[in-house]
Amino acid sequence: MAHNFNFYSPTEVIFGKGTQHSAGKYIQKYGGAKVLVVYGSERVLGNGLMEEVTVSMKREGLVYELLGGVVPNPHLSKVYEGIELGKRMQADFVLAVGGGSVIDTAKAIAYGLAEKDEDVWTLFEHTRTAKKCLPVASVLTIAAAGSETSMGAVITNEKTKEKRAYDDNLARPKFAIMNPELTAGLSDYQTESGCTDIMMHTMERYFTNGGNMEITDSIAEGLLRTVLANAKILHGDPQNYEARAEVMWAGSLAHNNLTGCGNDGGDFATHMLEHEIGGMFDVTHGAGLAAVWPSWAKYVYKNALPRFVRYAVNVMQIKPEGTDEEIALKGIAAMEEFYHSIGMPVNMRELGVAPTDEQLHEMAVRCAKACGGQKGSAKVLYQNDMEEIYRLAL
């Protein structure tokens, strides 16, 4: 049976070649005058993208300041730095030029600037709820997180090693400029980690119990097949514009909740498990997801067997021969083969981390705490389940 749902996706998408030149026009359209521009690597300076963006802002008479240095698994300290800079310049708009980490940082800064007397980290600790947020937008340079059209942000407190998410429609970006050409300079590892993250955002909503809609399943399966195919193309032909366009648009559709309409809200245990790996070892998010998903799948598949069978047949193209359990396991194995085919790990050893018994236990404790004691839809997981999945992923 389909669940009731609200679908809200207000972000205006400006997609295609050369669209970065219109950034200033859209900032002005959505009320920005004093813009804090957040970015990560120096790549956006060296390749001329930042100059193109700032020229477009000057053309519209906008005032701006730059804040660089955002890193993967973005740090709380950078958020605080951005809040202070935004206060000094009296920013009324935050523009992210980068990928998910940059956009998440921009969202967190926007919360902090809108509620200047509150500590923004308390949102991520879930001890309060945001009441205001400055308008945020992005010029996307990495297809992965889907943060350009989503309500979510994930920040790492580097002092406590806690990686935490906060979701609120207040931070839905006003617009997203998406030029697939801007992703062509990424390394293969970054590209394929992004493809993995895009697929996982859909898979988290797909592997559920308690009701789904056929139309939503069909959209999800089509998206997954599209990313599977184009991830392989980009592994061998990284300059392929059409493949990058398919993946970039899939990234937004995967995380604006379109692929979750009518289900029970999704599973998202794999994401929560990865957050603790990322918080402790600072690994690339998509690669971390690939490293833990097979162990999660093998741990839970019997509890959501019809979903795993459908995934195997409709996405991984497994012939429906044998028992349901055999088909499901073939689908999981095919997913592992896909990860290897694009250079992704399927366990923590291949990811390059080797947690001790104490670290495995600590990650499970933190994961359970972050989840409120339990997480999952395919199978509800508790702390002991989480620790067992981590051990299986060694």
Protein backbone atom coordinates (compact mmCIF):
# COMPACT_ATOMS: atom_id res chain seq x y z
CA MET A 1 0.00 0.00 0.00
CA ALA A 2 1.29 3.46 -0.88
CA HIS A 3 2.01 5.79 2.01
CA ASN A 4 0.82 9.40 2.14
CA PHE A 5 3.55 11.86 1.15
CA ASN A 6 4.37 15.52 0.63
CA PHE A 7 6.67 16.26 -2.29
CA TYR A 8 8.36 19.66 -2.12
CA SER A 9 11.13 20.57 -4.55
CA PRO A 10 11.23 24.35 -5.04
CA THR A 11 14.77 24.71 -6.44
CA GLU A 12 15.03 26.28 -9.88
CA VAL A 13 17.47 24.29 -12.03
CA ILE A 14 19.47 26.03 -14.76
CA PHE A 15 21.05 23.17 -16.71
CA GLY A 16 23.53 23.03 -19.56
CA LYS A 17 26.64 24.47 -21.14
CA GLY A 18 27.64 27.99 -20.16
CA THR A 19 25.00 28.38 -17.48
CA GLN A 20 27.54 29.52 -14.87
CA HIS A 21 27.59 32.92 -16.59
CA SER A 22 24.05 33.58 -15.34
CA ALA A 23 24.82 33.19 -11.62
CA GLY A 24 24.61 36.91 -10.85
CA LYS A 25 21.26 37.28 -12.61
CA TYR A 26 19.70 34.50 -10.55
CA ILE A 27 21.16 35.74 -7.26
CA GLN A 28 19.53 39.10 -7.95
CA LYS A 29 16.28 37.37 -8.92
CA TYR A 30 16.13 35.74 -5.50
CA GLY A 31 16.92 38.90 -3.56
CA GLY A 32 20.66 38.70 -3.01
CA ALA A 33 22.79 41.85 -2.81
CA LYS A 34 25.67 40.95 -0.46
CA VAL A 35 26.87 37.49 -1.34
CA LEU A 36 29.14 35.16 0.62
CA VAL A 37 30.66 32.81 -1.98
CA VAL A 38 31.82 29.49 -0.53
CA TYR A 39 34.15 27.13 -2.38
CA GLY A 40 36.47 24.22 -1.73
CA SER A 41 39.54 23.47 -3.80
CA GLU A 42 41.66 25.90 -5.77
CA ARG A 43 40.46 24.12 -8.92
CA VAL A 44 37.59 26.59 -9.30
CA LEU A 45 40.11 29.43 -9.26
CA GLY A 46 42.60 27.82 -11.60
CA ASN A 47 40.11 26.77 -14.25
CA GLY A 48 38.48 30.19 -14.45
CA LEU A 49 35.10 29.19 -13.05
CA MET A 50 35.24 31.56 -10.09
CA GLU A 51 36.14 34.46 -12.36
CA GLU A 52 33.15 33.66 -14.57
CA VAL A 53 30.87 33.61 -11.54
CA THR A 54 32.23 36.81 -10.01
CA VAL A 55 32.09 38.65 -13.34
CA SER A 56 28.40 37.71 -13.56
CA MET A 57 27.86 39.12 -10.06
CA LYS A 58 29.70 42.36 -10.84
CA ARG A 59 27.55 42.75 -13.93
CA GLU A 60 24.48 42.80 -11.66
CA GLY A 61 26.06 45.21 -9.16
CA LEU A 62 26.36 42.62 -6.38
CA VAL A 63 28.86 42.81 -3.52
CA TYR A 64 30.65 39.59 -2.59
CA GLU A 65 33.34 38.01 -0.43
CA LEU A 66 35.04 34.65 -1.00
CA LEU A 67 35.49 31.85 1.54
CA GLY A 68 37.61 28.94 0.33
CA GLY A 69 39.12 25.84 1.85
CA VAL A 70 36.07 23.61 2.34
CA VAL A 71 37.21 19.97 2.51
CA PRO A 72 35.40 16.66 1.95
CA ASN A 73 33.47 15.66 5.07
CA PRO A 74 33.21 19.43 5.67
CA HIS A 75 34.37 20.79 9.00
CA LEU A 76 32.39 22.68 11.59
CA SER A 77 35.31 25.08 12.05
CA LYS A 78 34.92 26.27 8.45
CA VAL A 79 31.21 26.81 9.07
CA TYR A 80 32.05 29.01 12.06
CA GLU A 81 34.61 30.89 9.97
CA GLY A 82 31.99 31.52 7.30
CA ILE A 83 29.45 32.74 9.84
CA GLU A 84 31.92 35.29 11.18
CA LEU A 85 32.83 36.49 7.69
CA GLY A 86 29.15 36.71 6.76
CA LYS A 87 28.40 38.76 9.85
CA ARG A 88 31.18 41.24 9.06
CA MET A 89 30.01 41.75 5.47
CA GLN A 90 26.31 41.62 6.43
CA ALA A 91 25.70 38.87 3.89
CA ASP A 92 22.13 38.31 2.76
CA PHE A 93 22.80 35.40 0.36
CA VAL A 94 25.16 32.40 0.35
CA LEU A 95 26.38 30.93 -2.94
CA ALA A 96 28.20 27.59 -3.05
CA VAL A 97 30.60 26.98 -5.94
CA GLY A 98 31.49 23.32 -5.67
CA GLY A 99 30.05 19.95 -4.74
CA GLY A 100 28.09 18.53 -1.86
CA SER A 101 30.57 19.42 0.86
CA VAL A 102 30.63 23.05 -0.25
CA ILE A 103 26.85 23.23 -0.54
CA ASP A 104 26.38 21.63 2.89
CA THR A 105 28.83 24.13 4.36
CA ALA A 106 26.94 26.99 2.70
CA LYS A 107 23.65 25.73 4.16
CA ALA A 108 25.13 25.50 7.65
CA ILE A 109 26.57 29.01 7.34
CA ALA A 110 23.19 30.28 6.13
CA TYR A 111 21.52 28.83 9.24
CA GLY A 112 24.14 30.47 11.45
CA LEU A 113 23.78 33.87 9.81
CA ALA A 114 20.00 33.80 10.07
CA GLU A 115 20.08 32.98 13.79
CA LYS A 116 23.19 34.78 14.96
CA ASP A 117 22.66 34.15 18.67
CA GLU A 118 22.43 30.37 18.30
CA ASP A 119 25.19 27.78 17.93
CA VAL A 120 24.59 26.15 14.53
CA TRP A 121 26.02 22.81 15.74
CA THR A 122 23.01 22.38 18.01
CA LEU A 123 20.95 21.85 14.85
CA PHE A 124 23.16 18.92 13.89
CA GLU A 125 22.97 17.61 17.45
CA HIS A 126 19.18 17.79 17.07
CA THR A 127 18.69 19.71 20.30
CA ARG A 128 16.72 22.44 18.53
CA THR A 129 15.05 23.20 15.19
CA ALA A 130 15.96 26.05 12.84
CA LYS A 131 13.51 28.92 12.56
CA LYS A 132 15.28 30.88 9.81
CA CYS A 133 17.88 30.40 7.08
CA LEU A 134 19.45 32.81 4.61
CA PRO A 135 18.81 32.00 0.93
CA VAL A 136 21.32 29.52 -0.53
CA ALA A 137 22.14 28.56 -4.10
CA SER A 138 24.88 26.68 -5.94
CA VAL A 139 27.01 26.40 -9.02
CA LEU A 140 27.56 22.64 -9.04
CA THR A 141 30.97 21.17 -9.89
CA ILE A 142 30.56 17.57 -8.67
CA ALA A 143 27.61 15.28 -9.40
CA ALA A 144 27.16 13.25 -6.23
CA ALA A 145 25.47 14.45 -3.07
CA GLY A 146 22.32 15.98 -4.57
CA SER A 147 22.57 18.76 -1.99
CA GLU A 148 21.91 21.28 -4.75
CA THR A 149 18.17 20.46 -4.63
CA SER A 150 17.78 18.72 -1.27
CA MET A 151 16.83 19.77 2.25
CA GLY A 152 19.85 18.07 3.82
CA ALA A 153 23.29 19.07 5.03
CA VAL A 154 26.01 16.97 6.66
CA ILE A 155 28.80 18.52 8.75
CA THR A 156 31.70 16.94 10.65
CA ASN A 157 32.75 18.23 14.06
CA GLU A 158 36.44 17.55 13.67
CA LYS A 159 37.08 17.88 17.41
CA THR A 160 34.65 15.12 18.41
CA LYS A 161 34.88 13.13 15.12
CA GLU A 162 31.08 13.27 14.83
CA LYS A 163 29.59 13.47 11.32
CA ARG A 164 25.97 14.57 11.61
CA ALA A 165 23.10 15.50 9.30
CA TYR A 166 20.38 18.09 9.61
CA ASP A 167 17.40 18.21 7.26
CA ASP A 168 15.10 21.21 6.92
CA ASN A 169 13.18 22.69 4.00
CA LEU A 170 14.39 26.13 5.08
CA ALA A 171 17.72 25.33 3.44
CA ARG A 172 16.34 24.15 0.09
CA PRO A 173 18.50 26.04 -2.45
CA LYS A 174 16.79 28.80 -4.40
CA PHE A 175 18.50 27.73 -7.60
CA ALA A 176 21.11 25.30 -8.87
CA ILE A 177 23.31 26.03 -11.87
CA MET A 178 24.32 22.71 -13.40
CA ASN A 179 26.79 22.61 -16.28
CA PRO A 180 28.04 19.04 -16.84
CA GLU A 181 31.22 20.44 -18.41
CA LEU A 182 32.27 21.67 -14.98
CA THR A 183 32.64 18.07 -13.77
CA ALA A 184 34.97 16.99 -16.58
CA GLY A 185 38.13 17.85 -14.63
CA LEU A 186 37.38 15.48 -11.77
CA SER A 187 39.51 12.44 -11.10
CA ASP A 188 38.03 9.06 -11.91
CA TYR A 189 37.86 8.27 -8.18
CA GLN A 190 35.84 11.43 -7.48
CA THR A 191 33.55 10.78 -10.44
CA GLU A 192 32.83 7.19 -9.49
CA SER A 193 32.45 7.98 -5.80
CA GLY A 194 29.83 10.49 -6.91
CA CYS A 195 28.04 7.89 -9.03
CA THR A 196 28.01 5.56 -6.03
CA ASP A 197 26.51 8.25 -3.79
CA ILE A 198 23.82 9.04 -6.37
CA MET A 199 22.83 5.40 -6.61
CA MET A 200 22.84 4.99 -2.84
CA HIS A 201 20.50 7.94 -2.35
CA THR A 202 18.01 6.06 -4.51
CA MET A 203 18.74 2.63 -3.04
CA GLU A 204 18.17 3.94 0.50
CA ARG A 205 14.64 4.82 -0.55
CA TYR A 206 14.17 1.63 -2.56
CA PHE A 207 15.03 -1.08 -0.02
CA THR A 208 12.06 -0.66 2.28
CA ASN A 209 9.32 -2.68 3.90
CA GLY A 210 5.72 -1.61 4.33
CA GLY A 211 4.57 -0.32 0.96
CA ASN A 212 5.78 1.22 -2.26
CA MET A 213 4.34 2.78 -5.42
CA GLU A 214 4.91 1.16 -8.81
CA ILE A 215 5.54 4.52 -10.50
CA THR A 216 8.13 5.46 -7.86
CA ASP A 217 9.82 2.06 -8.18
CA SER A 218 9.95 2.43 -11.96
CA ILE A 219 11.50 5.91 -11.70
CA ALA A 220 14.05 4.63 -9.18
CA GLU A 221 14.98 1.59 -11.25
CA GLY A 222 15.36 3.68 -14.40
CA LEU A 223 17.59 6.13 -12.56
CA LEU A 224 19.73 3.32 -11.17
CA ARG A 225 20.14 1.65 -14.56
CA THR A 226 21.08 5.02 -16.08
CA VAL A 227 23.80 5.70 -13.52
CA LEU A 228 25.10 2.12 -13.75
CA ALA A 229 25.55 2.48 -17.50
CA ASN A 230 27.01 5.98 -17.48
CA ALA A 231 29.37 5.33 -14.58
CA LYS A 232 30.97 2.62 -16.71
CA ILE A 233 31.14 4.98 -19.70
CA LEU A 234 32.86 7.68 -17.63
CA HIS A 235 35.33 5.15 -16.21
CA GLY A 236 36.69 4.69 -19.74
CA ASP A 237 35.74 8.03 -21.33
CA PRO A 238 35.85 10.76 -18.65
CA GLN A 239 35.25 13.61 -21.13
CA ASN A 240 31.95 12.21 -22.39
CA TYR A 241 29.52 15.13 -22.05
CA GLU A 242 26.35 13.13 -22.53
CA ALA A 243 27.30 10.66 -19.80
CA ARG A 244 28.19 13.50 -17.43
CA ALA A 245 24.87 15.19 -18.16
CA GLU A 246 22.94 11.99 -17.40
CA VAL A 247 24.80 11.50 -14.12
CA MET A 248 24.49 15.15 -13.05
CA TRP A 249 20.72 15.22 -13.53
CA ALA A 250 20.38 11.83 -11.86
CA GLY A 251 22.21 13.22 -8.81
CA SER A 252 19.53 15.85 -8.28
CA LEU A 253 16.62 13.51 -8.91
CA ALA A 254 18.09 10.92 -6.54
CA HIS A 255 18.05 13.21 -3.52
CA ASN A 256 15.14 15.61 -3.96
CA ASN A 257 12.95 12.75 -2.63
CA LEU A 258 11.27 11.97 -5.96
CA THR A 259 12.44 8.35 -5.67
CA GLY A 260 10.92 8.06 -2.19
CA CYS A 261 7.37 9.23 -2.87
CA GLY A 262 4.85 6.82 -1.41
CA ASN A 263 7.18 4.62 0.62
CA ASP A 264 7.75 4.51 4.36
CA GLY A 265 10.50 7.14 4.39
CA GLY A 266 13.39 4.95 3.35
CA ASP A 267 16.06 2.91 5.08
CA PHE A 268 19.21 5.13 5.25
CA ALA A 269 21.05 2.74 7.57
CA THR A 270 23.95 2.50 5.11
CA HIS A 271 24.37 6.26 5.15
CA MET A 272 24.36 6.36 8.94
CA LEU A 273 26.90 3.53 9.11
CA GLU A 274 29.14 5.35 6.63
CA HIS A 275 28.90 8.64 8.51
CA GLU A 276 30.76 7.06 11.42
CA ILE A 277 33.45 5.66 9.13
CA GLY A 278 33.79 9.07 7.50
CA GLY A 279 33.84 10.87 10.83
CA MET A 280 36.54 8.60 12.26
CA PHE A 281 38.73 8.04 9.18
CA ASP A 282 37.88 10.97 6.87
CA VAL A 283 37.19 8.75 3.85
CA THR A 284 35.49 9.79 0.62
CA HIS A 285 31.76 9.46 1.25
CA GLY A 286 30.78 7.57 -1.90
CA ALA A 287 33.64 5.11 -1.52
CA GLY A 288 32.69 4.59 2.12
CA LEU A 289 29.13 3.76 1.06
CA ALA A 290 30.40 1.20 -1.45
CA ALA A 291 32.58 -0.36 1.26
CA VAL A 292 29.74 -0.92 3.71
CA TRP A 293 26.71 -1.57 1.46
CA PRO A 294 27.50 -5.21 0.53
CA SER A 295 27.81 -6.19 4.20
CA TRP A 296 24.61 -4.34 5.05
CA ALA A 297 22.83 -6.04 2.14
CA LYS A 298 23.97 -9.53 3.13
CA TYR A 299 22.89 -8.84 6.70
CA VAL A 300 19.37 -7.62 5.91
CA TYR A 301 18.30 -9.13 2.57
CA LYS A 302 16.21 -11.96 4.05
CA ASN A 303 14.07 -9.36 5.84
CA ALA A 304 13.25 -7.57 2.57
CA LEU A 305 13.60 -10.45 0.14
CA PRO A 306 11.00 -9.28 -2.44
CA ARG A 307 12.77 -5.93 -2.75
CA PHE A 308 16.18 -7.54 -3.24
CA VAL A 309 14.75 -9.94 -5.83
CA ARG A 310 13.14 -7.06 -7.73
CA TYR A 311 16.39 -5.07 -7.60
CA ALA A 312 18.38 -8.04 -8.87
CA VAL A 313 16.07 -8.60 -11.82
CA ASN A 314 15.07 -5.04 -12.77
CA VAL A 315 18.31 -3.20 -12.06
CA MET A 316 21.16 -5.72 -12.14
CA GLN A 317 19.54 -7.74 -14.95
CA ILE A 318 19.77 -11.08 -13.13
CA LYS A 319 17.69 -13.82 -14.76
CA PRO A 320 14.77 -14.81 -12.49
CA GLU A 321 15.93 -18.39 -12.18
CA GLY A 322 16.30 -20.33 -8.93
CA THR A 323 14.99 -19.50 -5.49
CA ASP A 324 14.29 -15.94 -4.38
CA GLU A 325 17.25 -16.14 -2.03
CA GLU A 326 19.58 -17.23 -4.83
CA ILE A 327 18.36 -14.40 -7.08
CA ALA A 328 18.80 -11.82 -4.30
CA LEU A 329 22.35 -12.98 -3.55
CA LYS A 330 23.23 -12.88 -7.26
CA GLY A 331 22.00 -9.28 -7.33
CA ILE A 332 24.22 -8.35 -4.39
CA ALA A 333 27.20 -10.09 -6.01
CA ALA A 334 26.53 -8.25 -9.28
CA MET A 335 26.55 -4.97 -7.36
CA GLU A 336 29.95 -5.84 -5.89
CA GLU A 337 31.22 -6.61 -9.39
CA PHE A 338 29.92 -3.24 -10.56
CA TYR A 339 31.71 -1.43 -7.74
CA HIS A 340 34.97 -3.16 -8.67
CA SER A 341 34.43 -2.36 -12.36
CA ILE A 342 34.46 1.38 -11.60
CA GLY A 343 37.28 1.24 -9.04
CA MET A 344 35.19 1.33 -5.89
CA PRO A 345 35.85 -0.80 -2.75
CA VAL A 346 33.47 -3.42 -1.38
CA ASN A 347 34.87 -3.57 2.15
CA MET A 348 36.85 -1.44 4.58
CA ARG A 349 40.13 -3.16 3.77
CA GLU A 350 39.79 -2.11 0.14
CA LEU A 351 38.74 1.36 1.35
CA GLY A 352 42.10 1.58 3.10
CA VAL A 353 41.01 1.57 6.74
CA ALA A 354 41.44 -1.10 9.40
CA PRO A 355 39.44 -0.27 12.53
CA THR A 356 40.38 -1.94 15.79
CA ASP A 357 37.80 -3.83 17.83
CA GLU A 358 37.53 -0.78 20.05
CA GLN A 359 36.96 1.52 17.06
CA LEU A 360 34.32 -0.81 15.61
CA HIS A 361 32.48 -0.73 18.90
CA GLU A 362 32.83 3.03 19.18
CA MET A 363 31.43 3.54 15.67
CA ALA A 364 28.45 1.31 16.49
CA VAL A 365 27.79 3.20 19.72
CA ARG A 366 27.96 6.54 17.93
CA CYS A 367 25.83 5.33 15.03
CA ALA A 368 23.13 4.05 17.36
CA LYS A 369 23.19 7.32 19.30
CA ALA A 370 22.94 9.40 16.12
CA CYS A 371 19.97 7.27 14.99
CA GLY A 372 18.13 7.53 18.29
CA GLY A 373 18.80 3.87 19.08
CA GLN A 374 17.65 2.23 15.87
CA LYS A 375 17.62 2.70 12.10
CA GLY A 376 16.34 0.95 9.03
CA SER A 377 13.33 -0.19 7.05
CA ALA A 378 14.57 -3.24 5.15
CA LYS A 379 15.53 -4.44 8.65
CA VAL A 380 15.51 -2.36 11.80
CA LEU A 381 19.07 -2.23 13.13
CA TYR A 382 20.18 -1.72 16.72
CA GLN A 383 23.66 -1.15 18.10
CA ASN A 384 24.65 -4.83 18.09
CA ASP A 385 23.47 -5.15 14.46
CA MET A 386 25.48 -2.10 13.46
CA GLU A 387 28.61 -3.48 15.08
CA GLU A 388 28.14 -6.82 13.31
CA ILE A 389 27.78 -5.12 9.93
CA TYR A 390 30.99 -3.18 10.57
CA ARG A 391 32.74 -6.45 11.39
CA LEU A 392 31.40 -8.07 8.23
CA ALA A 393 32.77 -5.11 6.26
CA LEU A 394 36.34 -5.57 7.43
